Amino acid sequence: MSDFKDPVKHMLNLALATALNDLQYYADELEKTKIPEVQALLLVLQESEEELIAKIEDMMFTGVVSAIEEAQVVHGKWEPPNSDPFDFTSPFGSTLQFQRVTVCNQVLERGLKSHKFYLSISSRAKSKVVGVVFEYLAYLKNQHLKRLRKVCESFASPS
């Protein structure tokens, strides 16, 4: 009951739920695909999401001081994620290539939604602490999206 009286903890629960939903999405997609490269991508993204979840859980149990310190270090030093969809298929491309780009774009869209969600909470937060923490979570999600882009762009190379 006291968790809901603490706005920081309440908001961290919301962030944790978002990250856990993304993690579940990656696990579900991993079960569906038989393409080794896409499986590798999903494993990288699962690992990245697990790191985000661990940071959120750490903040829930130990407080947000270290997250605020880290947020101050990166504040204003990162660019928004590249939201351009992947488009490295040709009309003569393989079904495999089409499946790769489809998964990359689905995951990109989902990641961008989470990133925008964190930024939205940050900008509307009534508490400066919540605002800084969610800006930091947006930064972490941005790093996650950079990993996604790096792996997906490697798919553009002919295999």
Protein backbone atom coordinates (compact mmCIF):
# COMPACT_ATOMS: atom_id res chain seq x y z
CA MET A 1 0.00 0.00 0.00
CA SER A 2 2.83 2.41 0.83
CA ASP A 3 4.30 1.89 -2.65
CA PHE A 4 1.45 3.88 -4.16
CA LYS A 5 2.04 6.76 -1.74
CA ASP A 6 5.61 7.06 -3.01
CA PRO A 7 5.34 8.62 -6.49
CA VAL A 8 8.86 7.56 -7.49
CA LYS A 9 8.22 3.92 -6.64
CA HIS A 10 4.83 4.02 -8.35
CA MET A 11 6.39 5.40 -11.53
CA LEU A 12 9.21 2.87 -11.37
CA ASN A 13 6.58 0.12 -11.19
CA LEU A 14 5.10 1.56 -14.38
CA ALA A 15 8.54 1.58 -16.05
CA LEU A 16 9.16 -1.97 -14.89
CA ALA A 17 5.84 -3.13 -16.35
CA THR A 18 6.73 -1.50 -19.68
CA ALA A 19 10.15 -3.17 -19.78
CA LEU A 20 8.73 -6.55 -18.76
CA ASN A 21 6.15 -6.32 -21.56
CA ASP A 22 8.94 -5.61 -24.06
CA LEU A 23 10.96 -8.53 -22.69
CA GLN A 24 7.95 -10.84 -23.06
CA TYR A 25 7.46 -9.63 -26.63
CA TYR A 26 11.06 -10.59 -27.48
CA ALA A 27 10.60 -14.01 -25.87
CA ASP A 28 7.37 -14.60 -27.80
CA GLU A 29 8.98 -13.56 -31.10
CA LEU A 30 12.00 -15.75 -30.35
CA GLU A 31 9.70 -18.76 -29.99
CA LYS A 32 8.05 -18.02 -33.35
CA THR A 33 11.11 -17.50 -35.53
CA LYS A 34 13.39 -20.12 -36.99
CA ILE A 35 15.78 -17.64 -38.61
CA PRO A 36 19.15 -17.76 -36.79
CA GLU A 37 19.99 -14.10 -37.46
CA VAL A 38 16.63 -12.92 -36.13
CA GLN A 39 16.99 -15.22 -33.13
CA ALA A 40 20.39 -13.65 -32.44
CA LEU A 41 18.86 -10.16 -32.72
CA LEU A 42 16.09 -11.06 -30.29
CA LEU A 43 18.59 -12.52 -27.84
CA VAL A 44 20.64 -9.30 -27.95
CA LEU A 45 17.48 -7.27 -27.36
CA GLN A 46 16.37 -9.55 -24.52
CA GLU A 47 19.75 -9.06 -22.86
CA SER A 48 19.51 -5.31 -23.32
CA GLU A 49 15.97 -5.24 -21.88
CA GLU A 50 17.10 -7.40 -18.95
CA GLU A 51 19.81 -4.81 -18.22
CA LEU A 52 17.15 -2.08 -18.20
CA ILE A 53 14.94 -4.18 -15.91
CA ALA A 54 17.88 -4.75 -13.56
CA LYS A 55 18.52 -0.99 -13.39
CA ILE A 56 14.85 -0.29 -12.67
CA GLU A 57 14.74 -2.97 -9.97
CA ASP A 58 17.95 -1.60 -8.48
CA MET A 59 16.36 1.85 -8.29
CA MET A 60 13.29 0.34 -6.63
CA PHE A 61 15.33 -1.36 -3.93
CA THR A 62 18.29 0.96 -3.36
CA GLY A 63 16.89 4.31 -4.42
CA VAL A 64 17.44 6.57 -7.37
CA VAL A 65 20.51 8.55 -6.27
CA SER A 66 22.97 6.70 -8.52
CA ALA A 67 20.53 6.88 -11.46
CA ILE A 68 20.21 10.63 -10.95
CA GLU A 69 24.00 10.97 -10.87
CA GLU A 70 24.29 8.94 -14.09
CA ALA A 71 21.48 10.98 -15.66
CA GLN A 72 23.35 14.20 -14.92
CA VAL A 73 26.42 12.86 -16.70
CA VAL A 74 24.52 12.06 -19.91
CA HIS A 75 21.98 14.93 -19.76
CA GLY A 76 21.92 16.76 -23.08
CA LYS A 77 24.72 14.62 -24.51
CA TRP A 78 22.63 12.18 -26.53
CA GLU A 79 20.58 12.48 -29.65
CA PRO A 80 17.09 11.07 -30.07
CA PRO A 81 16.93 7.62 -31.66
CA ASN A 82 16.79 7.26 -35.40
CA SER A 83 13.12 6.50 -36.06
CA ASP A 84 13.55 5.75 -39.77
CA PRO A 85 12.24 2.28 -40.57
CA PHE A 86 14.59 -0.27 -42.03
CA ASP A 87 14.23 -0.64 -45.78
CA PHE A 88 16.98 -2.75 -47.26
CA THR A 89 14.86 -5.12 -49.28
CA SER A 90 14.55 -5.20 -53.00
CA PRO A 91 11.69 -6.59 -55.04
CA PHE A 92 14.09 -9.39 -55.91
CA GLY A 93 15.11 -10.03 -52.30
CA SER A 94 14.60 -13.31 -50.55
CA THR A 95 11.80 -14.24 -48.19
CA LEU A 96 14.47 -14.46 -45.50
CA GLN A 97 15.47 -10.84 -46.09
CA PHE A 98 11.82 -9.77 -45.96
CA GLN A 99 11.34 -11.60 -42.64
CA ARG A 100 14.44 -9.95 -41.20
CA VAL A 101 13.36 -6.44 -42.13
CA THR A 102 9.83 -7.09 -40.88
CA VAL A 103 11.04 -8.18 -37.45
CA CYS A 104 13.50 -5.29 -37.28
CA ASN A 105 10.76 -2.78 -38.05
CA GLN A 106 8.32 -4.33 -35.56
CA VAL A 107 10.92 -4.25 -32.82
CA LEU A 108 11.99 -0.71 -33.77
CA GLU A 109 8.39 0.50 -33.55
CA ARG A 110 7.92 -1.12 -30.15
CA GLY A 111 11.19 0.31 -28.83
CA LEU A 112 10.36 3.79 -30.07
CA LYS A 113 6.99 3.63 -28.29
CA SER A 114 8.72 2.76 -25.02
CA HIS A 115 11.29 5.52 -25.55
CA LYS A 116 8.56 8.09 -26.24
CA PHE A 117 6.62 6.85 -23.21
CA TYR A 118 9.63 7.40 -20.93
CA LEU A 119 10.21 10.88 -22.38
CA SER A 120 6.54 11.74 -22.00
CA ILE A 121 6.57 10.77 -18.33
CA SER A 122 9.80 12.73 -17.89
CA SER A 123 8.37 15.91 -19.38
CA ARG A 124 5.06 15.70 -17.49
CA ALA A 125 6.38 14.53 -14.14
CA LYS A 126 5.22 16.54 -11.15
CA SER A 127 8.40 15.59 -9.33
CA LYS A 128 11.85 16.67 -10.54
CA VAL A 129 13.21 13.31 -9.36
CA VAL A 130 10.69 11.35 -11.44
CA GLY A 131 11.45 13.58 -14.43
CA VAL A 132 15.19 12.97 -14.21
CA VAL A 133 14.79 9.23 -13.63
CA PHE A 134 12.52 8.84 -16.66
CA GLU A 135 14.82 10.92 -18.83
CA TYR A 136 17.56 8.49 -17.80
CA LEU A 137 15.32 5.53 -18.69
CA ALA A 138 14.72 7.13 -22.10
CA TYR A 139 18.50 7.40 -22.51
CA LEU A 140 18.89 3.69 -21.66
CA LYS A 141 16.15 2.78 -24.14
CA ASN A 142 17.95 4.93 -26.72
CA GLN A 143 21.08 2.80 -26.19
CA HIS A 144 18.90 -0.28 -26.67
CA LEU A 145 17.63 1.12 -29.98
CA LYS A 146 21.20 1.79 -31.13
CA ARG A 147 22.00 -1.90 -30.58
CA LEU A 148 18.91 -2.83 -32.56
CA ARG A 149 19.91 -0.57 -35.44
CA LYS A 150 23.48 -1.91 -35.49
CA VAL A 151 22.33 -5.53 -35.69
CA CYS A 152 19.53 -4.86 -38.19
CA GLU A 153 21.81 -2.85 -40.47
CA SER A 154 24.16 -5.82 -40.54
CA PHE A 155 21.30 -7.73 -42.19
CA ALA A 156 21.54 -5.40 -45.19
CA SER A 157 24.80 -7.05 -46.16
CA PRO A 158 24.30 -9.91 -48.58
CA SER A 159 24.46 -13.27 -46.82
